[in-house]
Amino acid sequence: MVGIEADGGQHYEFKSKERDENRAEELKKLGVKIIRFSDLEILTNIDGVYEIIRKILEKKKKRLSPSPQSSFHRGEEARVKRLSSKERGG
């Protein structure tokens, strides 16, 4: 899972930055990766921000998608089980 945060100027102060880091660590434990962008970055480079988000999501998608080979093996395993069951009369 991915969380996207837009940080304004107050996030650059020590206490805010520390709170942000603590929150990101807690979310990481829950499987959430936080991506941060400054408000200025979003306002002046929205295409670059979009591209970074797209690449991160694409990487996550590839890691979560089963490989064609593993899908084949699972399907083949299920077919073998069905055939074995039929041979036993089930």
C-alpha atoms as a PDB file:
ATOM      1  CA  MET A   1       0.000   0.000   0.000  1.00  0.00           C
ATOM      2  CA  VAL A   2       1.180   3.521  -0.743  1.00  0.00           C
ATOM      3  CA  GLY A   3       0.380   6.790   1.021  1.00  0.00           C
ATOM      4  CA  ILE A   4       1.080  10.112  -0.638  1.00  0.00           C
ATOM      5  CA  GLU A   5       1.739  13.169   1.471  1.00  0.00           C
ATOM      6  CA  ALA A   6       1.901  16.782   0.365  1.00  0.00           C
ATOM      7  CA  ASP A   7       4.097  18.703   2.789  1.00  0.00           C
ATOM      8  CA  GLY A   8       3.707  22.432   3.331  1.00  0.00           C
ATOM      9  CA  GLY A   9       6.268  24.709   4.953  1.00  0.00           C
ATOM     10  CA  GLN A  10       5.433  23.625   8.513  1.00  0.00           C
ATOM     11  CA  HIS A  11       6.748  20.131   7.710  1.00  0.00           C
ATOM     12  CA  TYR A  12      10.291  21.446   7.511  1.00  0.00           C
ATOM     13  CA  GLU A  13      10.360  22.436  11.175  1.00  0.00           C
ATOM     14  CA  PHE A  14      12.135  19.954  13.436  1.00  0.00           C
ATOM     15  CA  LYS A  15       9.070  18.854  15.464  1.00  0.00           C
ATOM     16  CA  SER A  16       6.886  18.403  12.391  1.00  0.00           C
ATOM     17  CA  LYS A  17       9.607  16.534  10.569  1.00  0.00           C
ATOM     18  CA  GLU A  18      10.093  14.227  13.564  1.00  0.00           C
ATOM     19  CA  ARG A  19       6.323  13.581  13.768  1.00  0.00           C
ATOM     20  CA  ASP A  20       6.214  12.826  10.037  1.00  0.00           C
ATOM     21  CA  GLU A  21       9.067  10.343  10.366  1.00  0.00           C
ATOM     22  CA  ASN A  22       7.447   8.603  13.363  1.00  0.00           C
ATOM     23  CA  ARG A  23       4.116   8.350  11.537  1.00  0.00           C
ATOM     24  CA  ALA A  24       5.844   6.974   8.431  1.00  0.00           C
ATOM     25  CA  GLU A  25       7.587   4.312  10.565  1.00  0.00           C
ATOM     26  CA  GLU A  26       4.287   3.235  12.140  1.00  0.00           C
ATOM     27  CA  LEU A  27       2.590   3.083   8.753  1.00  0.00           C
ATOM     28  CA  LYS A  28       5.523   1.100   7.367  1.00  0.00           C
ATOM     29  CA  LYS A  29       4.879  -1.543  10.036  1.00  0.00           C
ATOM     30  CA  LEU A  30       1.358  -1.810   8.619  1.00  0.00           C
ATOM     31  CA  GLY A  31       2.692  -2.192   5.083  1.00  0.00           C
ATOM     32  CA  VAL A  32       2.157   1.402   3.949  1.00  0.00           C
ATOM     33  CA  LYS A  33       4.980   3.167   2.128  1.00  0.00           C
ATOM     34  CA  ILE A  34       4.754   6.957   2.420  1.00  0.00           C
ATOM     35  CA  ILE A  35       5.855   9.081  -0.515  1.00  0.00           C
ATOM     36  CA  ARG A  36       6.364  12.753   0.310  1.00  0.00           C
ATOM     37  CA  PHE A  37       6.303  15.735  -1.976  1.00  0.00           C
ATOM     38  CA  SER A  38       6.635  19.375  -1.032  1.00  0.00           C
ATOM     39  CA  ASP A  39       3.760  21.637  -1.923  1.00  0.00           C
ATOM     40  CA  LEU A  40       6.169  23.627  -4.077  1.00  0.00           C
ATOM     41  CA  GLU A  41       7.223  20.497  -5.955  1.00  0.00           C
ATOM     42  CA  ILE A  42       3.585  19.624  -6.629  1.00  0.00           C
ATOM     43  CA  LEU A  43       2.757  23.151  -7.796  1.00  0.00           C
ATOM     44  CA  THR A  44       5.788  23.560 -10.039  1.00  0.00           C
ATOM     45  CA  ASN A  45       6.450  20.001 -11.271  1.00  0.00           C
ATOM     46  CA  ILE A  46       3.201  18.042 -11.252  1.00  0.00           C
ATOM     47  CA  ASP A  47       4.331  15.930 -14.233  1.00  0.00           C
ATOM     48  CA  GLY A  48       7.469  14.868 -12.378  1.00  0.00           C
ATOM     49  CA  VAL A  49       5.453  14.065  -9.252  1.00  0.00           C
ATOM     50  CA  TYR A  50       3.023  12.016 -11.326  1.00  0.00           C
ATOM     51  CA  GLU A  51       5.888  10.121 -12.963  1.00  0.00           C
ATOM     52  CA  ILE A  52       7.462   9.234  -9.600  1.00  0.00           C
ATOM     53  CA  ILE A  53       4.123   7.979  -8.263  1.00  0.00           C
ATOM     54  CA  ARG A  54       3.454   6.004 -11.455  1.00  0.00           C
ATOM     55  CA  LYS A  55       6.874   4.297 -11.298  1.00  0.00           C
ATOM     56  CA  ILE A  56       6.467   3.348  -7.643  1.00  0.00           C
ATOM     57  CA  LEU A  57       3.006   1.902  -8.256  1.00  0.00           C
ATOM     58  CA  GLU A  58       4.247   0.023 -11.308  1.00  0.00           C
ATOM     59  CA  LYS A  59       7.071  -1.549  -9.248  1.00  0.00           C
ATOM     60  CA  LYS A  60       4.604  -2.588  -6.549  1.00  0.00           C
ATOM     61  CA  LYS A  61       2.255  -4.029  -9.159  1.00  0.00           C
ATOM     62  CA  LYS A  62       5.057  -6.137 -10.662  1.00  0.00           C
ATOM     63  CA  ARG A  63       6.038  -7.486  -7.230  1.00  0.00           C
ATOM     64  CA  LEU A  64       2.436  -8.411  -6.426  1.00  0.00           C
ATOM     65  CA  SER A  65       1.630 -10.018  -9.780  1.00  0.00           C
ATOM     66  CA  PRO A  66       2.330 -13.736  -9.953  1.00  0.00           C
ATOM     67  CA  SER A  67       4.761 -14.689 -12.660  1.00  0.00           C
ATOM     68  CA  PRO A  68       3.249 -16.526 -15.659  1.00  0.00           C
ATOM     69  CA  GLN A  69       5.373 -19.526 -14.768  1.00  0.00           C
ATOM     70  CA  SER A  70       4.054 -19.752 -11.196  1.00  0.00           C
ATOM     71  CA  SER A  71       0.472 -19.384 -12.467  1.00  0.00           C
ATOM     72  CA  PHE A  72       1.096 -22.238 -14.880  1.00  0.00           C
ATOM     73  CA  HIS A  73       2.462 -24.446 -12.146  1.00  0.00           C
ATOM     74  CA  ARG A  74      -0.498 -23.743  -9.856  1.00  0.00           C
ATOM     75  CA  GLY A  75      -2.899 -24.483 -12.709  1.00  0.00           C
ATOM     76  CA  GLU A  76      -1.012 -27.623 -13.639  1.00  0.00           C
ATOM     77  CA  GLU A  77      -1.013 -28.745 -10.000  1.00  0.00           C
ATOM     78  CA  ALA A  78      -4.795 -28.265  -9.796  1.00  0.00           C
ATOM     79  CA  ARG A  79      -5.272 -30.223 -13.047  1.00  0.00           C
ATOM     80  CA  VAL A  80      -3.162 -33.100 -11.728  1.00  0.00           C
ATOM     81  CA  LYS A  81      -5.186 -33.173  -8.500  1.00  0.00           C
ATOM     82  CA  ARG A  82      -8.462 -33.271 -10.461  1.00  0.00           C
ATOM     83  CA  LEU A  83      -7.172 -36.112 -12.633  1.00  0.00           C
ATOM     84  CA  SER A  84      -5.979 -38.053  -9.571  1.00  0.00           C
ATOM     85  CA  SER A  85      -9.325 -37.566  -7.906  1.00  0.00           C
ATOM     86  CA  LYS A  86     -11.172 -38.896 -10.964  1.00  0.00           C
ATOM     87  CA  GLU A  87      -8.905 -41.941 -11.069  1.00  0.00           C
ATOM     88  CA  ARG A  88      -9.803 -42.663  -7.453  1.00  0.00           C
ATOM     89  CA  GLY A  89     -13.476 -42.360  -8.281  1.00  0.00           C
ATOM     90  CA  GLY A  90     -13.959 -38.927  -6.681  1.00  0.00           C
END
